[in-house]
Amino acid sequence: MTDARSAAWDTYAKSKPPRRRTNARGESTWFNWTQHPDHGPGAEVLALEPGDGVLDLGCGSGGNLAHLAALGMRAVGVDLSAAQLAKARERWADVEGMELHQGDALGFMAASVTRYDAVYSVFGAAYFTDPRLTLPAVHGCLVPGGVFAMSQHPPVEGCYGCQASYIPRGPDEDPAIVKRWDYTPRTWVGLFTEYGFENVTATVLEAPAHGRRRIGTQLIRGARAS
């Protein structure tokens, strides 16, 4: 199953354009929780200080992780896709403090003895893994008071729980299929609380007023109980 999922995300990597060289403010690294450029909050959501350790679940081509490393964090990322990690290593070769691993997020956390000040996932592995497995694993990887935050699409009304996502593979092949987990903000708050997180918030960031893309971003955040 992991091989099939890796192949699916390698396919996705081929279709995803590279991150811009600079953002609207002219910065070469930046943090973005949403699928819209220059929109929404940034790294402040994670409440990190230079020297803190942070883990990115599904780091992809590494743009957010590179920004945290540039700010002085000990930035660790894990991703199933070798193609995505190759992009990350090429693009961010001159950024110190990044540590990249290929593998399944749950397996990586289970094997880790490191405790992080924050764990996050931006449309990443936490979106595509059962939260009843992800949340206790993340809880075990955080220091007391450490933050876990994740972003994903808001759910379609009435379509909750495990859903199918389709990744195109070209005109002559069926799409690759991966699972994702969609819930309302209220349900996410309940799940985070059930698995030992406090001060939990779940909000939908509306799409920017300009542009034709109208789907917002759901951002969920909580802290491991001390």
Protein backbone atom coordinates (compact mmCIF):
# COMPACT_ATOMS: atom_id res chain seq x y z
CA MET A 1 0.00 0.00 0.00
CA THR A 2 2.81 2.44 0.82
CA ASP A 3 4.39 1.79 -2.60
CA ALA A 4 1.08 2.55 -4.33
CA ARG A 5 0.64 5.74 -2.30
CA SER A 6 4.23 6.78 -3.02
CA ALA A 7 3.64 6.30 -6.75
CA ALA A 8 0.45 8.37 -6.52
CA TRP A 9 2.24 11.27 -4.87
CA ASP A 10 5.14 11.01 -7.31
CA THR A 11 2.52 11.45 -10.05
CA TYR A 12 1.15 14.48 -8.24
CA ALA A 13 4.66 15.94 -7.99
CA LYS A 14 4.98 15.94 -11.78
CA SER A 15 1.89 18.12 -12.16
CA LYS A 16 2.65 20.61 -9.40
CA PRO A 17 4.50 23.76 -10.51
CA PRO A 18 7.50 24.91 -8.48
CA ARG A 19 7.08 27.53 -5.79
CA ARG A 20 7.71 31.06 -7.00
CA ARG A 21 11.22 32.44 -6.49
CA THR A 22 9.81 35.30 -4.40
CA ASN A 23 6.41 36.14 -2.97
CA ALA A 24 4.52 39.42 -3.30
CA ARG A 25 6.72 40.99 -0.60
CA GLY A 26 9.90 39.94 -2.39
CA GLU A 27 10.80 37.26 0.18
CA SER A 28 12.65 34.16 -0.99
CA THR A 29 11.10 31.96 1.73
CA TRP A 30 7.66 32.24 3.32
CA PHE A 31 5.01 30.12 5.05
CA ASN A 32 1.59 29.60 3.49
CA TRP A 33 -1.25 27.57 5.05
CA THR A 34 -3.65 28.01 2.14
CA GLN A 35 -3.77 27.08 -1.54
CA HIS A 36 -3.94 30.77 -2.46
CA PRO A 37 -0.74 32.79 -2.92
CA ASP A 38 0.05 35.60 -0.48
CA HIS A 39 -3.01 34.80 1.61
CA GLY A 40 -3.73 33.90 5.21
CA PRO A 41 -1.57 33.63 8.32
CA GLY A 42 2.05 32.53 8.38
CA ALA A 43 4.52 30.73 10.64
CA GLU A 44 3.29 32.62 13.71
CA VAL A 45 0.52 30.02 14.02
CA LEU A 46 3.15 27.56 15.30
CA ALA A 47 4.42 29.87 18.09
CA LEU A 48 8.04 28.86 17.52
CA GLU A 49 11.30 30.47 18.59
CA PRO A 50 14.73 30.12 16.92
CA GLY A 51 16.25 26.80 17.94
CA ASP A 52 12.91 25.06 18.39
CA GLY A 53 12.28 21.74 16.68
CA VAL A 54 9.46 21.38 14.16
CA LEU A 55 8.17 18.45 12.10
CA ASP A 56 6.36 18.78 8.75
CA LEU A 57 4.09 15.83 7.92
CA GLY A 58 3.97 15.61 4.14
CA CYS A 59 6.56 18.30 3.48
CA GLY A 60 6.34 17.98 -0.31
CA SER A 61 8.86 20.18 -2.11
CA GLY A 62 9.81 21.82 1.15
CA GLY A 63 8.82 25.48 0.79
CA ASN A 64 7.28 25.90 4.24
CA LEU A 65 10.01 23.84 5.88
CA ALA A 66 12.73 25.95 4.21
CA HIS A 67 11.17 29.08 5.64
CA LEU A 68 11.23 27.69 9.17
CA ALA A 69 14.84 26.59 8.76
CA ALA A 70 15.73 30.07 7.50
CA LEU A 71 14.15 31.47 10.68
CA GLY A 72 16.51 29.32 12.76
CA MET A 73 14.31 26.32 13.58
CA ARG A 74 15.48 22.70 13.57
CA ALA A 75 13.22 21.78 10.66
CA VAL A 76 12.45 18.12 9.91
CA GLY A 77 10.22 16.95 7.08
CA VAL A 78 8.87 13.57 6.01
CA ASP A 79 7.13 12.73 2.74
CA LEU A 80 6.20 9.57 0.84
CA SER A 81 7.23 10.98 -2.53
CA ALA A 82 10.84 10.65 -3.63
CA ALA A 83 10.05 13.04 -6.48
CA GLN A 84 8.87 15.73 -4.11
CA LEU A 85 11.90 15.32 -1.87
CA ALA A 86 14.22 15.53 -4.87
CA LYS A 87 12.61 18.89 -5.70
CA ALA A 88 13.12 20.01 -2.10
CA ARG A 89 16.79 19.04 -2.03
CA GLU A 90 17.46 20.81 -5.31
CA ARG A 91 15.52 24.00 -4.59
CA TRP A 92 16.63 24.50 -0.99
CA ALA A 93 20.19 23.13 -1.16
CA ASP A 94 21.59 26.34 0.35
CA VAL A 95 19.20 26.42 3.33
CA GLU A 96 20.79 25.12 6.52
CA GLY A 97 18.83 23.34 9.21
CA MET A 98 16.55 21.23 6.99
CA GLU A 99 16.38 17.46 7.49
CA LEU A 100 14.36 15.46 4.96
CA HIS A 101 13.14 11.87 5.21
CA GLN A 102 11.23 9.66 2.79
CA GLY A 103 8.55 7.51 4.33
CA ASP A 104 5.13 7.22 5.86
CA ALA A 105 4.33 9.90 8.43
CA LEU A 106 2.87 7.46 10.96
CA GLY A 107 5.83 5.13 10.67
CA PHE A 108 8.27 8.00 11.03
CA MET A 109 6.59 9.27 14.20
CA ALA A 110 6.38 5.77 15.68
CA ALA A 111 10.14 5.29 15.22
CA SER A 112 11.14 8.76 16.38
CA VAL A 113 12.58 9.45 19.81
CA THR A 114 12.66 13.20 19.17
CA ARG A 115 10.07 15.47 20.75
CA TYR A 116 9.14 18.60 18.80
CA ASP A 117 7.96 22.04 19.81
CA ALA A 118 5.50 21.98 16.90
CA VAL A 119 4.18 19.57 14.29
CA TYR A 120 2.22 20.73 11.26
CA SER A 121 0.75 19.56 7.98
CA VAL A 122 -0.27 21.86 5.11
CA PHE A 123 -2.58 19.90 2.79
CA GLY A 124 -0.21 17.08 3.72
CA ALA A 125 -0.09 13.69 5.39
CA ALA A 126 -2.51 14.67 8.17
CA TYR A 127 -5.18 15.30 5.54
CA PHE A 128 -4.63 11.85 4.02
CA THR A 129 -4.35 9.74 7.17
CA ASP A 130 -7.07 8.67 9.61
CA PRO A 131 -6.99 11.29 12.40
CA ARG A 132 -7.63 8.57 14.97
CA LEU A 133 -4.16 7.33 14.09
CA THR A 134 -2.52 10.68 13.37
CA LEU A 135 -3.58 12.59 16.47
CA PRO A 136 -2.23 10.18 19.10
CA ALA A 137 0.99 9.81 17.10
CA VAL A 138 1.45 13.58 16.93
CA HIS A 139 0.60 13.95 20.61
CA GLY A 140 3.41 11.52 21.42
CA CYS A 141 5.90 13.52 19.34
CA LEU A 142 5.21 16.89 20.97
CA VAL A 143 6.67 18.43 24.08
CA PRO A 144 4.06 19.50 26.66
CA GLY A 145 2.44 22.65 25.33
CA GLY A 146 3.68 21.94 21.80
CA VAL A 147 1.47 23.00 18.90
CA PHE A 148 -0.09 20.85 16.20
CA ALA A 149 -1.70 22.65 13.26
CA MET A 150 -3.01 21.36 9.95
CA SER A 151 -4.76 22.80 6.92
CA GLN A 152 -6.99 21.23 4.28
CA HIS A 153 -10.03 21.96 2.15
CA PRO A 154 -13.29 22.53 4.02
CA PRO A 155 -15.63 19.53 3.66
CA VAL A 156 -18.42 19.36 1.13
CA GLU A 157 -21.67 19.48 3.11
CA GLY A 158 -22.80 15.94 3.93
CA CYS A 159 -19.52 14.35 2.77
CA TYR A 160 -17.70 13.59 6.02
CA GLY A 161 -15.14 11.04 7.12
CA CYS A 162 -13.03 9.04 4.70
CA GLN A 163 -13.36 10.27 1.11
CA ALA A 164 -11.59 9.50 -2.18
CA SER A 165 -9.19 11.90 -3.89
CA TYR A 166 -8.27 11.32 -7.53
CA ILE A 167 -4.86 12.21 -8.96
CA PRO A 168 -4.80 12.40 -12.79
CA ARG A 169 -2.21 10.20 -14.51
CA GLY A 170 -2.76 11.18 -18.13
CA PRO A 171 -5.36 10.47 -20.83
CA ASP A 172 -4.60 6.74 -21.14
CA GLU A 173 -4.55 5.77 -17.45
CA ASP A 174 -7.05 5.68 -14.66
CA PRO A 175 -6.35 8.25 -11.95
CA ALA A 176 -4.47 7.27 -8.82
CA ILE A 177 -6.75 7.14 -5.79
CA VAL A 178 -5.79 8.17 -2.26
CA LYS A 179 -7.94 8.54 0.83
CA ARG A 180 -8.53 11.77 2.69
CA TRP A 181 -10.49 12.65 5.84
CA ASP A 182 -12.98 15.51 5.81
CA TYR A 183 -14.77 16.86 8.87
CA THR A 184 -16.56 20.01 9.98
CA PRO A 185 -14.71 22.45 12.24
CA ARG A 186 -16.84 21.30 15.19
CA THR A 187 -15.89 17.66 14.63
CA TRP A 188 -12.20 18.55 14.36
CA VAL A 189 -12.34 20.39 17.67
CA GLY A 190 -13.88 17.30 19.25
CA LEU A 191 -11.27 14.97 17.79
CA PHE A 192 -8.32 17.13 18.86
CA THR A 193 -9.77 17.41 22.36
CA GLU A 194 -10.42 13.68 22.57
CA TYR A 195 -6.75 12.93 21.85
CA GLY A 196 -5.24 15.26 24.42
CA PHE A 197 -5.09 18.70 22.81
CA GLU A 198 -6.34 21.90 24.40
CA ASN A 199 -7.15 25.44 23.29
CA VAL A 200 -8.32 23.92 20.02
CA THR A 201 -9.57 26.13 17.21
CA ALA A 202 -10.89 25.16 13.79
CA THR A 203 -11.72 27.92 11.34
CA VAL A 204 -12.36 28.30 7.63
CA LEU A 205 -10.23 30.98 5.97
CA GLU A 206 -12.28 32.36 3.10
CA ALA A 207 -10.69 32.58 -0.33
CA PRO A 208 -9.32 36.01 -1.24
CA ALA A 209 -11.84 38.35 -2.83
CA HIS A 210 -9.91 38.56 -6.10
CA GLY A 211 -9.46 35.65 -8.48
CA ARG A 212 -11.79 32.89 -9.66
CA ARG A 213 -10.86 30.22 -7.10
CA ARG A 214 -13.49 30.35 -4.36
CA ILE A 215 -12.70 27.37 -2.12
CA GLY A 216 -11.37 28.43 1.27
CA THR A 217 -9.01 26.64 3.65
CA GLN A 218 -9.81 24.93 6.93
CA LEU A 219 -7.13 25.51 9.58
CA ILE A 220 -7.15 23.46 12.78
CA ARG A 221 -4.80 24.17 15.70
CA GLY A 222 -4.31 22.81 19.20
CA ALA A 223 -1.65 22.43 21.87
CA ARG A 224 -0.63 19.29 23.69
CA ALA A 225 -1.95 19.48 27.22
CA SER A 226 0.89 20.15 29.68
